[in-house]
Amino acid sequence: MGEFTGFTQPGLTFLQQLRQNNNKEWFEEHRDIYQQQLLEPVRKLVTDLSQDMQVIDDLFELRPAIGKTISRMHRDTRFSHDKSIYRSNIWITFKRSRKNWTDAPVYFFEFGQDWWRYGLGYYSASKMTMDLFRQQLLRDPAAFLKMAKCIEPNFTLEGDSYKRPLIKDQAPELAAWYNKKSFALISSHMDMETIFSDRLVDILSKEFQRIAPLYHMLMKIEGMKKNQLPLGD
């Protein structure tokens, strides 16, 4: 029996009200709700998922702490037009510890007041990463497309694409991946009752394991970048 029993309506109401009262005074007055109804359940969720995530990658950061696997509530507003101090959503991530994590594959679960989603992908893949990804696709397109079926039917491929196809007359199912500038696989939901239950742990665990073949392919690319090896080695 795991520790996570579900999120609560008071927790979601807190996120809704935080959008309307996005200031330090209000947040501090309601910090107990954040701690008890959001942060504590999130920590339990990370703990309950950790064993299965470690099977996928034993180098994942698994500590159920803010800044490790749990998002901070404070926003960095230095380069943003939105000067809201606090986020109105919360997420967890499973990734290897590294400084430049935005260019590496990340598993995530995220929710707001009336939505939740989970998936795998890049926050912002570099050109080098995507060039290596495309080379990998071209090595054996059929094998990649067979492996990529693991995202069906629950995930959608999201991310900006080049306006002009990089390869003319490429098969549409391959071009959908090949022409991405960066990408993430996302499963989006609005049935909030699901996250009020411990069933969420089982859903995330099974779905994350199901798309693990793609994660391992992306980590192979990380190895090529780190070691600066030719693709075929």
Protein backbone atom coordinates (compact mmCIF):
# COMPACT_ATOMS: atom_id res chain seq x y z
CA MET A 1 0.00 0.00 0.00
CA GLY A 2 1.47 3.32 -1.06
CA GLU A 3 1.45 6.62 0.76
CA PHE A 4 -0.38 8.66 -1.88
CA THR A 5 -4.16 8.71 -1.47
CA GLY A 6 -5.00 11.46 -3.93
CA PHE A 7 -5.16 15.22 -4.16
CA THR A 8 -8.06 17.20 -2.69
CA GLN A 9 -10.53 19.84 -3.78
CA PRO A 10 -9.16 22.32 -1.21
CA GLY A 11 -5.77 21.95 -2.89
CA LEU A 12 -7.20 22.73 -6.32
CA THR A 13 -9.21 25.61 -4.91
CA PHE A 14 -5.97 27.01 -3.50
CA LEU A 15 -4.46 27.03 -7.01
CA GLN A 16 -7.54 28.78 -8.38
CA GLN A 17 -7.49 31.43 -5.66
CA LEU A 18 -3.76 31.91 -6.01
CA ARG A 19 -4.30 33.06 -9.59
CA GLN A 20 -6.64 35.75 -8.27
CA ASN A 21 -4.47 36.67 -5.27
CA ASN A 22 -0.97 36.34 -6.63
CA ASN A 23 0.94 38.06 -3.86
CA LYS A 24 3.19 37.12 -0.97
CA GLU A 25 0.75 38.19 1.75
CA TRP A 26 -2.05 35.94 0.51
CA PHE A 27 0.29 33.01 -0.10
CA GLU A 28 1.77 33.21 3.39
CA GLU A 29 -1.70 33.42 4.95
CA HIS A 30 -2.67 30.21 3.15
CA ARG A 31 0.69 28.41 3.27
CA ASP A 32 -0.74 25.65 5.47
CA ILE A 33 -3.16 24.68 2.70
CA TYR A 34 -0.30 24.55 0.20
CA GLN A 35 1.83 22.45 2.55
CA GLN A 36 -0.89 19.99 3.57
CA GLN A 37 -3.11 19.73 0.49
CA LEU A 38 -0.53 20.07 -2.30
CA LEU A 39 3.12 19.71 -1.31
CA GLU A 40 2.67 16.74 1.02
CA PRO A 41 0.57 14.70 -1.47
CA VAL A 42 3.04 15.56 -4.25
CA ARG A 43 5.90 14.24 -2.13
CA LYS A 44 3.98 11.03 -1.50
CA LEU A 45 3.26 10.68 -5.21
CA VAL A 46 6.96 10.97 -6.05
CA THR A 47 7.82 8.42 -3.36
CA ASP A 48 5.24 5.92 -4.62
CA LEU A 49 6.43 6.26 -8.22
CA SER A 50 10.14 6.11 -7.43
CA GLN A 51 10.61 2.35 -7.40
CA ASP A 52 9.10 1.86 -10.85
CA MET A 53 10.90 4.90 -12.24
CA GLN A 54 14.20 3.57 -10.98
CA VAL A 55 13.61 0.46 -13.07
CA ILE A 56 13.40 2.68 -16.16
CA ASP A 57 16.60 4.56 -15.25
CA ASP A 58 18.57 3.93 -12.06
CA LEU A 59 20.22 7.35 -12.44
CA PHE A 60 16.97 9.30 -12.07
CA GLU A 61 16.81 11.98 -9.38
CA LEU A 62 14.19 10.53 -7.02
CA ARG A 63 14.32 12.72 -3.92
CA PRO A 64 10.80 14.06 -3.19
CA ALA A 65 11.99 17.62 -2.70
CA ILE A 66 11.38 21.03 -4.24
CA GLY A 67 14.01 21.74 -6.85
CA LYS A 68 14.78 18.02 -7.26
CA THR A 69 11.59 16.33 -8.47
CA ILE A 70 9.01 18.94 -7.41
CA SER A 71 8.44 22.35 -8.99
CA ARG A 72 8.93 25.60 -7.11
CA MET A 73 5.94 27.84 -6.56
CA HIS A 74 7.98 31.00 -7.08
CA ARG A 75 8.36 32.05 -10.71
CA ASP A 76 11.45 33.58 -12.26
CA THR A 77 9.97 36.74 -13.76
CA ARG A 78 13.19 38.40 -14.90
CA PHE A 79 12.69 37.61 -18.58
CA SER A 80 8.91 37.22 -18.65
CA HIS A 81 6.13 39.64 -19.51
CA ASP A 82 4.02 37.81 -16.92
CA LYS A 83 5.13 39.23 -13.57
CA SER A 84 2.99 36.89 -11.43
CA ILE A 85 5.05 35.88 -8.42
CA TYR A 86 3.61 32.38 -8.02
CA ARG A 87 2.68 29.55 -10.35
CA SER A 88 -0.90 28.30 -10.40
CA ASN A 89 0.18 24.79 -11.37
CA ILE A 90 2.45 22.13 -9.90
CA TRP A 91 4.58 19.49 -11.57
CA ILE A 92 6.93 16.66 -10.81
CA THR A 93 9.74 15.44 -13.03
CA PHE A 94 11.88 12.34 -13.30
CA LYS A 95 15.20 13.09 -14.95
CA ARG A 96 18.91 12.66 -14.46
CA SER A 97 20.59 15.39 -12.44
CA ARG A 98 22.39 17.77 -14.74
CA LYS A 99 22.78 21.50 -15.17
CA ASN A 100 21.45 21.71 -18.73
CA TRP A 101 18.36 19.56 -18.16
CA THR A 102 16.23 21.44 -20.73
CA ASP A 103 18.12 19.64 -23.51
CA ALA A 104 17.60 16.16 -22.05
CA PRO A 105 14.52 13.88 -21.95
CA VAL A 106 12.26 14.32 -18.92
CA TYR A 107 9.25 12.42 -17.62
CA PHE A 108 6.65 14.70 -16.06
CA PHE A 109 3.26 14.94 -14.40
CA GLU A 110 1.59 18.34 -14.07
CA PHE A 111 -1.75 19.67 -12.87
CA GLY A 112 -3.69 22.87 -12.34
CA GLN A 113 -7.10 23.72 -10.92
CA ASP A 114 -9.11 21.92 -13.62
CA TRP A 115 -6.64 19.92 -15.73
CA TRP A 116 -3.80 17.44 -15.49
CA ARG A 117 -1.35 15.90 -17.91
CA TYR A 118 1.71 13.71 -18.07
CA GLY A 119 4.29 12.71 -20.61
CA LEU A 120 7.87 12.56 -21.78
CA GLY A 121 9.96 14.92 -23.81
CA TYR A 122 12.19 17.95 -23.98
CA TYR A 123 11.65 21.36 -22.44
CA SER A 124 13.75 22.81 -25.25
CA ALA A 125 15.88 20.43 -27.30
CA SER A 126 19.02 21.85 -28.91
CA LYS A 127 19.73 21.70 -32.63
CA MET A 128 22.43 19.10 -31.97
CA THR A 129 19.97 16.90 -30.10
CA MET A 130 17.36 17.07 -32.83
CA ASP A 131 19.92 16.53 -35.60
CA LEU A 132 21.04 13.32 -33.87
CA PHE A 133 17.41 12.33 -33.37
CA ARG A 134 16.72 12.76 -37.08
CA GLN A 135 19.79 10.74 -38.02
CA GLN A 136 18.56 7.98 -35.75
CA LEU A 137 15.18 8.02 -37.48
CA LEU A 138 16.78 7.70 -40.91
CA ARG A 139 18.94 4.74 -39.89
CA ASP A 140 15.88 2.49 -39.68
CA PRO A 141 12.58 4.33 -40.17
CA ALA A 142 10.48 1.17 -39.99
CA ALA A 143 12.01 0.11 -36.68
CA PHE A 144 11.48 3.58 -35.23
CA LEU A 145 7.83 3.75 -36.27
CA LYS A 146 7.24 0.30 -34.81
CA MET A 147 8.77 1.39 -31.52
CA ALA A 148 6.88 4.71 -31.59
CA LYS A 149 3.55 2.87 -31.52
CA CYS A 150 4.09 2.69 -27.76
CA ILE A 151 2.64 6.21 -27.55
CA GLU A 152 -0.74 5.06 -28.88
CA PRO A 153 -3.52 5.73 -28.07
CA ASN A 154 -3.07 8.01 -25.05
CA PHE A 155 -0.25 10.36 -26.09
CA THR A 156 -0.08 13.09 -28.69
CA LEU A 157 3.15 14.33 -30.25
CA GLU A 158 3.45 18.06 -29.54
CA GLY A 159 5.98 20.77 -30.33
CA ASP A 160 6.73 23.36 -33.00
CA SER A 161 7.63 22.10 -36.47
CA TYR A 162 9.59 23.67 -39.30
CA LYS A 163 7.29 25.43 -41.74
CA ARG A 164 8.96 23.73 -44.68
CA PRO A 165 9.54 19.96 -44.62
CA LEU A 166 13.19 19.06 -44.12
CA ILE A 167 12.83 16.13 -46.52
CA LYS A 168 10.56 16.36 -49.53
CA ASP A 169 7.84 13.71 -49.93
CA GLN A 170 8.72 11.99 -46.66
CA ALA A 171 6.12 9.56 -45.30
CA PRO A 172 3.69 11.61 -43.16
CA GLU A 173 4.01 9.37 -40.11
CA LEU A 174 7.80 9.86 -40.11
CA ALA A 175 7.67 13.54 -41.09
CA ALA A 176 5.55 14.27 -38.02
CA TRP A 177 8.60 13.42 -35.89
CA TYR A 178 11.35 14.45 -38.29
CA ASN A 179 10.22 18.05 -38.73
CA LYS A 180 9.96 18.89 -35.02
CA LYS A 181 12.22 21.59 -33.59
CA SER A 182 11.68 20.01 -30.17
CA PHE A 183 8.96 17.70 -28.92
CA ALA A 184 7.08 16.14 -26.06
CA LEU A 185 4.60 13.30 -25.79
CA ILE A 186 1.64 14.52 -23.76
CA SER A 187 -1.51 12.90 -22.42
CA SER A 188 -3.98 15.61 -21.33
CA HIS A 189 -7.04 15.19 -19.11
CA MET A 190 -9.79 17.16 -17.38
CA ASP A 191 -11.46 14.40 -15.34
CA MET A 192 -10.27 15.65 -11.96
CA GLU A 193 -11.76 12.73 -10.02
CA THR A 194 -8.86 10.60 -11.21
CA ILE A 195 -6.25 12.64 -9.36
CA PHE A 196 -8.36 12.52 -6.18
CA SER A 197 -7.58 8.79 -6.02
CA ASP A 198 -4.56 6.58 -5.45
CA ARG A 199 -5.31 5.15 -8.92
CA LEU A 200 -3.16 7.99 -10.26
CA VAL A 201 0.00 6.17 -9.16
CA ASP A 202 -0.89 3.08 -11.17
CA ILE A 203 -1.88 5.12 -14.23
CA LEU A 204 1.35 7.10 -14.28
CA SER A 205 3.54 4.11 -13.55
CA LYS A 206 2.06 2.00 -16.34
CA GLU A 207 2.05 4.82 -18.87
CA PHE A 208 5.62 5.87 -18.09
CA GLN A 209 6.81 2.28 -18.44
CA ARG A 210 4.91 1.86 -21.70
CA ILE A 211 6.82 4.69 -23.38
CA ALA A 212 10.16 3.70 -21.85
CA PRO A 213 11.49 2.38 -25.21
CA LEU A 214 11.37 5.93 -26.55
CA TYR A 215 13.06 7.26 -23.41
CA HIS A 216 15.91 4.79 -23.86
CA MET A 217 16.33 5.85 -27.48
CA LEU A 218 16.56 9.49 -26.40
CA MET A 219 19.09 8.59 -23.72
CA LYS A 220 21.19 6.86 -26.36
CA ILE A 221 21.35 10.23 -28.09
CA GLU A 222 22.44 11.80 -24.79
CA GLY A 223 25.31 9.34 -24.70
CA MET A 224 26.35 10.29 -28.21
CA LYS A 225 26.36 13.97 -27.27
CA LYS A 226 28.36 13.36 -24.11
CA ASN A 227 30.94 11.14 -25.73
CA GLN A 228 30.87 12.89 -29.12
CA LEU A 229 30.62 9.54 -30.84
CA PRO A 230 29.53 9.01 -34.45
CA LEU A 231 25.96 7.82 -34.66
CA GLY A 232 26.81 4.31 -35.77
CA ASP A 233 29.18 3.56 -32.88
